[in-house]
């Protein structure tokens, strides 16, 4: 249990909660009995962290956020499910993260060094990768999978069971009801793909030869006019030995919800 000076006298930390010695808990915050909080973490004023929740080292939970609450799922009957938030992740004001369900994975998981801006929502059984940015008001339905280094624009909404691949960029106010492949830019209420997220890929150190191959694989799949199955087979034959391209192709091949169409209007970014 941390030193008393780090827990505000108006905060409520339930017996059984495990907090590292240097954790800070702000005024009127509530920490439940099954919560575990790692070193250097901070829980802000009026925030609520409950259920079987693990906050990794350095996590920051800002004021009025809610982490680990029961899922908004009518089938939920109080099963002992979990919420896990990775190291260095920041949950800003009024963010809500709900724990998993027994008919899902049993855990809602957010990775390391993510930033969830004010009013974001992560529903039950979601899996969010590392270094993901969700801008203000972005919402994930239940069972959504988000890869690493994804950026989701403000006020966007992702339908339950959708997947978003690594390094994808979603423009603000996007609606997602299909799987968004890795590396692409996506935008719109019934969104479309608008090419590759080349700026993001370069910023993350993708080599020129990989980007050149990725451009060609993208053209083969989305611009050559061939059926997806045939295009995938050709792209795998040509680029299947390159791990980054293989990730892109496998994601598309494994999609259960389908892949969005490409945009034929001027790029909105």
C-alpha atoms as a PDB file:
ATOM      1  CA  UNK A   1       0.000   0.000   0.000  1.00  0.00           C
ATOM      2  CA  UNK A   2       1.451   3.446  -0.851  1.00  0.00           C
ATOM      3  CA  UNK A   3       2.333   6.023   1.738  1.00  0.00           C
ATOM      4  CA  UNK A   4      -0.689   7.861   3.107  1.00  0.00           C
ATOM      5  CA  UNK A   5       0.558  11.161   1.659  1.00  0.00           C
ATOM      6  CA  UNK A   6       0.056   9.799  -1.853  1.00  0.00           C
ATOM      7  CA  UNK A   7      -3.597   8.916  -1.263  1.00  0.00           C
ATOM      8  CA  UNK A   8      -5.847  11.910  -0.815  1.00  0.00           C
ATOM      9  CA  UNK A   9      -7.855  11.675   2.417  1.00  0.00           C
ATOM     10  CA  UNK A  10     -11.141  11.841   0.478  1.00  0.00           C
ATOM     11  CA  UNK A  11     -10.209   8.936  -1.811  1.00  0.00           C
ATOM     12  CA  UNK A  12     -11.618   5.463  -1.151  1.00  0.00           C
ATOM     13  CA  UNK A  13      -9.157   2.595  -1.569  1.00  0.00           C
ATOM     14  CA  UNK A  14     -10.836  -0.685  -0.665  1.00  0.00           C
ATOM     15  CA  UNK A  15      -9.099  -3.298   1.495  1.00  0.00           C
ATOM     16  CA  UNK A  16      -7.505  -5.867  -0.780  1.00  0.00           C
ATOM     17  CA  UNK A  17      -6.407  -3.389  -3.464  1.00  0.00           C
ATOM     18  CA  UNK A  18      -2.703  -3.727  -4.294  1.00  0.00           C
ATOM     19  CA  UNK A  19      -0.992  -0.418  -5.065  1.00  0.00           C
ATOM     20  CA  UNK A  20       2.730   0.107  -5.586  1.00  0.00           C
ATOM     21  CA  UNK A  21       4.361   2.348  -3.003  1.00  0.00           C
ATOM     22  CA  UNK A  22       4.555   5.419  -5.248  1.00  0.00           C
ATOM     23  CA  UNK A  23       1.030   5.314  -6.740  1.00  0.00           C
ATOM     24  CA  UNK A  24      -0.914   8.578  -6.458  1.00  0.00           C
ATOM     25  CA  UNK A  25      -4.686   8.577  -5.865  1.00  0.00           C
ATOM     26  CA  UNK A  26      -6.473  11.906  -6.174  1.00  0.00           C
ATOM     27  CA  UNK A  27      -9.431  13.442  -4.316  1.00  0.00           C
ATOM     28  CA  UNK A  28     -12.687  11.457  -4.304  1.00  0.00           C
ATOM     29  CA  UNK A  29     -11.243   8.675  -6.471  1.00  0.00           C
ATOM     30  CA  UNK A  30     -12.490   5.121  -5.845  1.00  0.00           C
ATOM     31  CA  UNK A  31     -10.283   2.014  -6.139  1.00  0.00           C
ATOM     32  CA  UNK A  32     -11.941  -1.390  -5.800  1.00  0.00           C
ATOM     33  CA  UNK A  33     -10.740  -4.381  -3.749  1.00  0.00           C
ATOM     34  CA  UNK A  34      -9.469  -6.463  -6.690  1.00  0.00           C
ATOM     35  CA  UNK A  35      -7.495  -3.687  -8.381  1.00  0.00           C
ATOM     36  CA  UNK A  36      -3.710  -3.933  -8.830  1.00  0.00           C
ATOM     37  CA  UNK A  37      -1.743  -0.821  -9.748  1.00  0.00           C
ATOM     38  CA  UNK A  38       1.905  -0.766 -10.826  1.00  0.00           C
ATOM     39  CA  UNK A  39       4.726   1.602  -9.895  1.00  0.00           C
ATOM     40  CA  UNK A  40       4.517   5.239 -10.897  1.00  0.00           C
ATOM     41  CA  UNK A  41       0.822   5.127 -11.808  1.00  0.00           C
ATOM     42  CA  UNK A  42      -1.589   7.939 -11.007  1.00  0.00           C
ATOM     43  CA  UNK A  43      -5.361   7.852 -10.526  1.00  0.00           C
ATOM     44  CA  UNK A  44      -6.932  11.280 -10.806  1.00  0.00           C
ATOM     45  CA  UNK A  45      -9.758  13.015  -8.939  1.00  0.00           C
ATOM     46  CA  UNK A  46     -13.173  11.346  -9.085  1.00  0.00           C
ATOM     47  CA  UNK A  47     -11.845   8.486 -11.224  1.00  0.00           C
ATOM     48  CA  UNK A  48     -13.219   4.994 -10.550  1.00  0.00           C
ATOM     49  CA  UNK A  49     -11.106   1.853 -11.015  1.00  0.00           C
ATOM     50  CA  UNK A  50     -12.997  -1.312 -10.120  1.00  0.00           C
ATOM     51  CA  UNK A  51     -13.405  -5.018 -10.837  1.00  0.00           C
ATOM     52  CA  UNK A  52     -10.458  -7.322 -11.474  1.00  0.00           C
ATOM     53  CA  UNK A  53      -8.332  -4.595 -13.045  1.00  0.00           C
ATOM     54  CA  UNK A  54      -4.586  -4.362 -13.571  1.00  0.00           C
ATOM     55  CA  UNK A  55      -2.989  -0.986 -14.319  1.00  0.00           C
ATOM     56  CA  UNK A  56       0.612  -1.292 -15.461  1.00  0.00           C
ATOM     57  CA  UNK A  57       3.534   0.840 -14.404  1.00  0.00           C
ATOM     58  CA  UNK A  58       3.195   4.527 -15.198  1.00  0.00           C
ATOM     59  CA  UNK A  59      -0.461   4.402 -16.225  1.00  0.00           C
ATOM     60  CA  UNK A  60      -2.260   7.724 -15.837  1.00  0.00           C
ATOM     61  CA  UNK A  61      -6.008   7.723 -15.237  1.00  0.00           C
ATOM     62  CA  UNK A  62      -7.337  11.270 -15.427  1.00  0.00           C
ATOM     63  CA  UNK A  63     -10.293  12.774 -13.624  1.00  0.00           C
ATOM     64  CA  UNK A  64     -13.740  11.217 -13.995  1.00  0.00           C
ATOM     65  CA  UNK A  65     -12.476   8.226 -15.993  1.00  0.00           C
ATOM     66  CA  UNK A  66     -14.051   4.797 -15.343  1.00  0.00           C
ATOM     67  CA  UNK A  67     -11.919   1.669 -15.711  1.00  0.00           C
ATOM     68  CA  UNK A  68     -13.047  -1.920 -15.142  1.00  0.00           C
ATOM     69  CA  UNK A  69     -16.787  -1.351 -14.794  1.00  0.00           C
ATOM     70  CA  UNK A  70     -19.298  -4.042 -15.743  1.00  0.00           C
ATOM     71  CA  UNK A  71     -19.822  -4.366 -19.505  1.00  0.00           C
ATOM     72  CA  UNK A  72     -22.826  -2.920 -21.294  1.00  0.00           C
ATOM     73  CA  UNK A  73     -23.939  -6.413 -22.258  1.00  0.00           C
ATOM     74  CA  UNK A  74     -27.347  -7.842 -21.338  1.00  0.00           C
ATOM     75  CA  UNK A  75     -25.878 -11.345 -21.145  1.00  0.00           C
ATOM     76  CA  UNK A  76     -23.405 -10.384 -18.437  1.00  0.00           C
ATOM     77  CA  UNK A  77     -24.229 -11.945 -15.065  1.00  0.00           C
ATOM     78  CA  UNK A  78     -21.341 -10.764 -12.933  1.00  0.00           C
ATOM     79  CA  UNK A  79     -18.760 -13.326 -14.040  1.00  0.00           C
ATOM     80  CA  UNK A  80     -15.217 -12.644 -12.717  1.00  0.00           C
ATOM     81  CA  UNK A  81     -13.702 -11.138 -15.850  1.00  0.00           C
ATOM     82  CA  UNK A  82     -10.796  -8.715 -16.162  1.00  0.00           C
ATOM     83  CA  UNK A  83      -9.437  -5.432 -17.486  1.00  0.00           C
ATOM     84  CA  UNK A  84      -5.729  -4.964 -18.219  1.00  0.00           C
ATOM     85  CA  UNK A  85      -4.099  -1.636 -19.113  1.00  0.00           C
ATOM     86  CA  UNK A  86      -0.460  -1.728 -20.221  1.00  0.00           C
ATOM     87  CA  UNK A  87       2.502   0.285 -19.054  1.00  0.00           C
ATOM     88  CA  UNK A  88       2.648   4.008 -19.732  1.00  0.00           C
ATOM     89  CA  UNK A  89      -0.878   4.238 -21.141  1.00  0.00           C
ATOM     90  CA  UNK A  90      -2.797   7.469 -20.603  1.00  0.00           C
ATOM     91  CA  UNK A  91      -6.573   7.499 -20.118  1.00  0.00           C
ATOM     92  CA  UNK A  92      -7.824  11.064 -20.272  1.00  0.00           C
ATOM     93  CA  UNK A  93     -10.939  12.695 -18.844  1.00  0.00           C
ATOM     94  CA  UNK A  94     -14.191  10.674 -18.932  1.00  0.00           C
ATOM     95  CA  UNK A  95     -12.634   7.689 -20.724  1.00  0.00           C
ATOM     96  CA  UNK A  96     -14.582   4.469 -20.097  1.00  0.00           C
ATOM     97  CA  UNK A  97     -13.065   0.980 -20.320  1.00  0.00           C
ATOM     98  CA  UNK A  98     -15.317  -2.003 -19.523  1.00  0.00           C
ATOM     99  CA  UNK A  99     -14.165  -5.411 -18.407  1.00  0.00           C
ATOM    100  CA  UNK A 100     -14.534  -8.562 -20.500  1.00  0.00           C
ATOM    101  CA  UNK A 101     -17.330 -11.123 -20.615  1.00  0.00           C
ATOM    102  CA  UNK A 102     -17.468 -14.874 -20.152  1.00  0.00           C
ATOM    103  CA  UNK A 103     -18.687 -15.417 -23.716  1.00  0.00           C
ATOM    104  CA  UNK A 104     -15.781 -13.329 -25.032  1.00  0.00           C
ATOM    105  CA  UNK A 105     -12.111 -13.564 -24.131  1.00  0.00           C
ATOM    106  CA  UNK A 106     -12.871 -12.774 -20.512  1.00  0.00           C
ATOM    107  CA  UNK A 107     -10.559  -9.770 -20.605  1.00  0.00           C
ATOM    108  CA  UNK A 108     -10.488  -6.282 -22.083  1.00  0.00           C
ATOM    109  CA  UNK A 109      -6.880  -5.436 -22.851  1.00  0.00           C
ATOM    110  CA  UNK A 110      -5.204  -2.134 -23.737  1.00  0.00           C
ATOM    111  CA  UNK A 111      -1.515  -2.256 -24.627  1.00  0.00           C
ATOM    112  CA  UNK A 112       1.514  -0.221 -23.655  1.00  0.00           C
ATOM    113  CA  UNK A 113       2.016   3.507 -24.208  1.00  0.00           C
ATOM    114  CA  UNK A 114      -1.418   4.185 -25.661  1.00  0.00           C
ATOM    115  CA  UNK A 115      -3.197   7.532 -25.505  1.00  0.00           C
ATOM    116  CA  UNK A 116      -6.978   7.551 -25.169  1.00  0.00           C
ATOM    117  CA  UNK A 117      -8.143  11.154 -25.299  1.00  0.00           C
ATOM    118  CA  UNK A 118     -11.184  12.538 -23.505  1.00  0.00           C
ATOM    119  CA  UNK A 119     -14.513  10.685 -23.772  1.00  0.00           C
ATOM    120  CA  UNK A 120     -13.152   7.619 -25.593  1.00  0.00           C
ATOM    121  CA  UNK A 121     -14.876   4.287 -24.937  1.00  0.00           C
ATOM    122  CA  UNK A 122     -13.416   0.768 -25.078  1.00  0.00           C
ATOM    123  CA  UNK A 123     -16.135  -1.862 -24.769  1.00  0.00           C
ATOM    124  CA  UNK A 124     -15.948  -5.385 -23.357  1.00  0.00           C
ATOM    125  CA  UNK A 125     -13.503  -7.933 -24.756  1.00  0.00           C
ATOM    126  CA  UNK A 126     -11.629  -5.436 -26.926  1.00  0.00           C
ATOM    127  CA  UNK A 127      -7.945  -5.961 -27.584  1.00  0.00           C
ATOM    128  CA  UNK A 128      -6.014  -2.765 -28.260  1.00  0.00           C
ATOM    129  CA  UNK A 129      -2.347  -3.001 -29.235  1.00  0.00           C
ATOM    130  CA  UNK A 130       0.649  -0.920 -28.249  1.00  0.00           C
ATOM    131  CA  UNK A 131       1.120   2.802 -28.970  1.00  0.00           C
ATOM    132  CA  UNK A 132      -2.434   3.313 -30.189  1.00  0.00           C
ATOM    133  CA  UNK A 133      -3.908   6.823 -30.254  1.00  0.00           C
ATOM    134  CA  UNK A 134      -7.677   7.276 -29.974  1.00  0.00           C
ATOM    135  CA  UNK A 135      -8.704  10.910 -30.392  1.00  0.00           C
ATOM    136  CA  UNK A 136     -11.544  12.519 -28.444  1.00  0.00           C
ATOM    137  CA  UNK A 137     -14.809  10.620 -28.472  1.00  0.00           C
ATOM    138  CA  UNK A 138     -13.608   7.601 -30.460  1.00  0.00           C
ATOM    139  CA  UNK A 139     -15.598   4.457 -29.593  1.00  0.00           C
ATOM    140  CA  UNK A 140     -14.881   0.739 -29.909  1.00  0.00           C
ATOM    141  CA  UNK A 141     -17.769  -1.732 -29.793  1.00  0.00           C
ATOM    142  CA  UNK A 142     -17.396  -5.098 -28.099  1.00  0.00           C
ATOM    143  CA  UNK A 143     -14.777  -7.625 -29.257  1.00  0.00           C
ATOM    144  CA  UNK A 144     -12.945  -5.130 -31.495  1.00  0.00           C
ATOM    145  CA  UNK A 145      -9.279  -5.854 -32.217  1.00  0.00           C
ATOM    146  CA  UNK A 146      -6.924  -2.930 -32.827  1.00  0.00           C
ATOM    147  CA  UNK A 147      -3.329  -3.508 -33.895  1.00  0.00           C
ATOM    148  CA  UNK A 148      -0.181  -1.642 -32.886  1.00  0.00           C
ATOM    149  CA  UNK A 149       0.521   2.001 -33.802  1.00  0.00           C
ATOM    150  CA  UNK A 150      -3.040   2.655 -34.979  1.00  0.00           C
ATOM    151  CA  UNK A 151      -4.485   6.186 -34.984  1.00  0.00           C
ATOM    152  CA  UNK A 152      -8.275   6.519 -34.682  1.00  0.00           C
ATOM    153  CA  UNK A 153      -9.666   9.978 -35.356  1.00  0.00           C
ATOM    154  CA  UNK A 154     -12.049  11.809 -33.084  1.00  0.00           C
ATOM    155  CA  UNK A 155     -15.733  10.825 -32.916  1.00  0.00           C
ATOM    156  CA  UNK A 156     -15.090   7.642 -34.908  1.00  0.00           C
ATOM    157  CA  UNK A 157     -17.097   4.507 -34.138  1.00  0.00           C
ATOM    158  CA  UNK A 158     -15.949   0.923 -34.710  1.00  0.00           C
ATOM    159  CA  UNK A 159     -18.611  -1.795 -34.961  1.00  0.00           C
ATOM    160  CA  UNK A 160     -18.311  -4.826 -32.714  1.00  0.00           C
ATOM    161  CA  UNK A 161     -16.070  -7.697 -33.902  1.00  0.00           C
ATOM    162  CA  UNK A 162     -14.227  -5.505 -36.439  1.00  0.00           C
ATOM    163  CA  UNK A 163     -10.454  -5.574 -36.731  1.00  0.00           C
ATOM    164  CA  UNK A 164      -8.098  -2.689 -37.438  1.00  0.00           C
ATOM    165  CA  UNK A 165      -4.628  -3.637 -38.619  1.00  0.00           C
ATOM    166  CA  UNK A 166      -1.258  -2.313 -37.485  1.00  0.00           C
ATOM    167  CA  UNK A 167      -0.292   1.249 -38.475  1.00  0.00           C
ATOM    168  CA  UNK A 168      -3.713   2.039 -39.932  1.00  0.00           C
ATOM    169  CA  UNK A 169      -4.921   5.644 -39.814  1.00  0.00           C
ATOM    170  CA  UNK A 170      -8.647   6.381 -39.435  1.00  0.00           C
ATOM    171  CA  UNK A 171      -9.803   9.910 -40.172  1.00  0.00           C
ATOM    172  CA  UNK A 172     -12.125  11.727 -37.801  1.00  0.00           C
ATOM    173  CA  UNK A 173     -15.840  10.867 -37.662  1.00  0.00           C
ATOM    174  CA  UNK A 174     -15.306   7.573 -39.460  1.00  0.00           C
ATOM    175  CA  UNK A 175     -17.727   4.678 -39.215  1.00  0.00           C
ATOM    176  CA  UNK A 176     -16.133   1.226 -39.350  1.00  0.00           C
ATOM    177  CA  UNK A 177     -18.228  -1.864 -40.063  1.00  0.00           C
ATOM    178  CA  UNK A 178     -15.602  -3.938 -41.901  1.00  0.00           C
ATOM    179  CA  UNK A 179     -12.002  -4.932 -41.248  1.00  0.00           C
ATOM    180  CA  UNK A 180      -9.495  -2.159 -41.951  1.00  0.00           C
ATOM    181  CA  UNK A 181      -6.200  -3.657 -43.199  1.00  0.00           C
ATOM    182  CA  UNK A 182      -2.795  -2.741 -41.817  1.00  0.00           C
ATOM    183  CA  UNK A 183      -0.951   0.306 -43.175  1.00  0.00           C
ATOM    184  CA  UNK A 184      -3.897   2.011 -44.877  1.00  0.00           C
ATOM    185  CA  UNK A 185      -5.760   5.303 -44.513  1.00  0.00           C
ATOM    186  CA  UNK A 186      -9.496   5.032 -44.005  1.00  0.00           C
ATOM    187  CA  UNK A 187     -12.198   7.662 -43.756  1.00  0.00           C
ATOM    188  CA  UNK A 188     -15.965   8.180 -44.007  1.00  0.00           C
ATOM    189  CA  UNK A 189     -19.297   7.415 -42.374  1.00  0.00           C
ATOM    190  CA  UNK A 190     -19.432   4.255 -44.468  1.00  0.00           C
ATOM    191  CA  UNK A 191     -15.744   4.462 -44.940  1.00  0.00           C
ATOM    192  CA  UNK A 192     -13.379   3.688 -47.750  1.00  0.00           C
ATOM    193  CA  UNK A 193      -9.650   3.095 -48.029  1.00  0.00           C
ATOM    194  CA  UNK A 194      -7.613   5.989 -49.397  1.00  0.00           C
ATOM    195  CA  UNK A 195      -4.210   4.509 -50.077  1.00  0.00           C
ATOM    196  CA  UNK A 196      -1.359   3.718 -47.719  1.00  0.00           C
ATOM    197  CA  UNK A 197      -0.494   5.575 -44.522  1.00  0.00           C
ATOM    198  CA  UNK A 198       2.933   6.427 -45.921  1.00  0.00           C
ATOM    199  CA  UNK A 199       3.585   9.326 -43.545  1.00  0.00           C
ATOM    200  CA  UNK A 200       2.945   7.116 -40.524  1.00  0.00           C
ATOM    201  CA  UNK A 201       4.985   4.256 -41.949  1.00  0.00           C
ATOM    202  CA  UNK A 202       7.981   6.489 -42.651  1.00  0.00           C
ATOM    203  CA  UNK A 203       7.772   7.990 -39.174  1.00  0.00           C
ATOM    204  CA  UNK A 204       7.908   4.476 -37.757  1.00  0.00           C
ATOM    205  CA  UNK A 205      11.041   3.529 -39.664  1.00  0.00           C
ATOM    206  CA  UNK A 206       9.725   1.426 -42.553  1.00  0.00           C
ATOM    207  CA  UNK A 207      12.501   0.969 -45.107  1.00  0.00           C
ATOM    208  CA  UNK A 208      12.102   2.324 -48.637  1.00  0.00           C
ATOM    209  CA  UNK A 209      12.307  -1.128 -50.217  1.00  0.00           C
ATOM    210  CA  UNK A 210       9.510  -2.360 -47.952  1.00  0.00           C
ATOM    211  CA  UNK A 211       7.353   0.657 -48.800  1.00  0.00           C
ATOM    212  CA  UNK A 212       7.971   0.099 -52.533  1.00  0.00           C
ATOM    213  CA  UNK A 213       6.878  -3.537 -52.228  1.00  0.00           C
ATOM    214  CA  UNK A 214       3.875  -2.537 -50.145  1.00  0.00           C
ATOM    215  CA  UNK A 215       2.806  -0.024 -52.803  1.00  0.00           C
ATOM    216  CA  UNK A 216       2.958  -2.722 -55.447  1.00  0.00           C
ATOM    217  CA  UNK A 217       1.028  -5.219 -53.310  1.00  0.00           C
ATOM    218  CA  UNK A 218      -1.615  -2.542 -52.665  1.00  0.00           C
ATOM    219  CA  UNK A 219      -1.963  -1.884 -56.412  1.00  0.00           C
ATOM    220  CA  UNK A 220      -2.320  -5.593 -57.112  1.00  0.00           C
ATOM    221  CA  UNK A 221      -5.104  -5.968 -54.543  1.00  0.00           C
ATOM    222  CA  UNK A 222      -7.064  -2.746 -54.905  1.00  0.00           C
ATOM    223  CA  UNK A 223      -6.296  -1.201 -58.290  1.00  0.00           C
ATOM    224  CA  UNK A 224      -5.674  -3.998 -60.791  1.00  0.00           C
ATOM    225  CA  UNK A 225      -9.334  -5.008 -61.064  1.00  0.00           C
ATOM    226  CA  UNK A 226      -8.710  -8.700 -60.353  1.00  0.00           C
ATOM    227  CA  UNK A 227     -10.789 -10.820 -57.962  1.00  0.00           C
ATOM    228  CA  UNK A 228      -9.405 -10.635 -54.450  1.00  0.00           C
ATOM    229  CA  UNK A 229      -8.531 -14.323 -54.281  1.00  0.00           C
ATOM    230  CA  UNK A 230      -6.476 -14.244 -57.466  1.00  0.00           C
ATOM    231  CA  UNK A 231      -4.788 -10.984 -56.482  1.00  0.00           C
ATOM    232  CA  UNK A 232      -3.881 -12.371 -53.073  1.00  0.00           C
ATOM    233  CA  UNK A 233      -2.345 -15.469 -54.627  1.00  0.00           C
ATOM    234  CA  UNK A 234      -0.185 -13.376 -56.974  1.00  0.00           C
ATOM    235  CA  UNK A 235       0.860 -11.014 -54.224  1.00  0.00           C
ATOM    236  CA  UNK A 236       1.787 -13.891 -51.917  1.00  0.00           C
ATOM    237  CA  UNK A 237       3.889 -15.496 -54.630  1.00  0.00           C
ATOM    238  CA  UNK A 238       5.742 -12.251 -55.207  1.00  0.00           C
ATOM    239  CA  UNK A 239       5.993 -10.716 -51.733  1.00  0.00           C
ATOM    240  CA  UNK A 240       5.152 -13.490 -49.278  1.00  0.00           C
ATOM    241  CA  UNK A 241       8.710 -13.672 -47.922  1.00  0.00           C
ATOM    242  CA  UNK A 242       8.631 -10.057 -46.710  1.00  0.00           C
ATOM    243  CA  UNK A 243       7.188 -10.097 -43.156  1.00  0.00           C
ATOM    244  CA  UNK A 244       5.534  -6.675 -43.396  1.00  0.00           C
ATOM    245  CA  UNK A 245       3.811  -7.556 -46.660  1.00  0.00           C
ATOM    246  CA  UNK A 246       2.838 -10.995 -45.410  1.00  0.00           C
ATOM    247  CA  UNK A 247       1.105  -9.355 -42.435  1.00  0.00           C
ATOM    248  CA  UNK A 248      -0.896  -7.165 -44.842  1.00  0.00           C
ATOM    249  CA  UNK A 249      -1.900 -10.051 -47.093  1.00  0.00           C
ATOM    250  CA  UNK A 250      -2.728 -12.481 -44.292  1.00  0.00           C
ATOM    251  CA  UNK A 251      -4.978  -9.907 -42.626  1.00  0.00           C
ATOM    252  CA  UNK A 252      -7.026  -9.544 -45.802  1.00  0.00           C
ATOM    253  CA  UNK A 253      -7.153 -13.286 -46.433  1.00  0.00           C
ATOM    254  CA  UNK A 254      -8.392 -13.977 -42.883  1.00  0.00           C
ATOM    255  CA  UNK A 255     -11.087 -11.287 -42.815  1.00  0.00           C
ATOM    256  CA  UNK A 256     -14.529 -12.491 -41.769  1.00  0.00           C
ATOM    257  CA  UNK A 257     -16.318  -9.143 -42.076  1.00  0.00           C
ATOM    258  CA  UNK A 258     -14.903  -8.110 -45.432  1.00  0.00           C
ATOM    259  CA  UNK A 259     -12.581  -5.308 -46.499  1.00  0.00           C
ATOM    260  CA  UNK A 260     -13.798  -1.772 -47.377  1.00  0.00           C
ATOM    261  CA  UNK A 261     -13.730  -0.532 -50.926  1.00  0.00           C
ATOM    262  CA  UNK A 262     -11.203   2.059 -52.023  1.00  0.00           C
ATOM    263  CA  UNK A 263     -12.231   5.674 -52.452  1.00  0.00           C
ATOM    264  CA  UNK A 264     -12.517   7.063 -55.963  1.00  0.00           C
ATOM    265  CA  UNK A 265     -12.826  10.706 -54.931  1.00  0.00           C
ATOM    266  CA  UNK A 266     -10.124  13.176 -53.953  1.00  0.00           C
ATOM    267  CA  UNK A 267      -8.231  12.022 -50.887  1.00  0.00           C
ATOM    268  CA  UNK A 268      -9.783  13.685 -47.819  1.00  0.00           C
ATOM    269  CA  UNK A 269      -6.603  13.875 -45.740  1.00  0.00           C
END
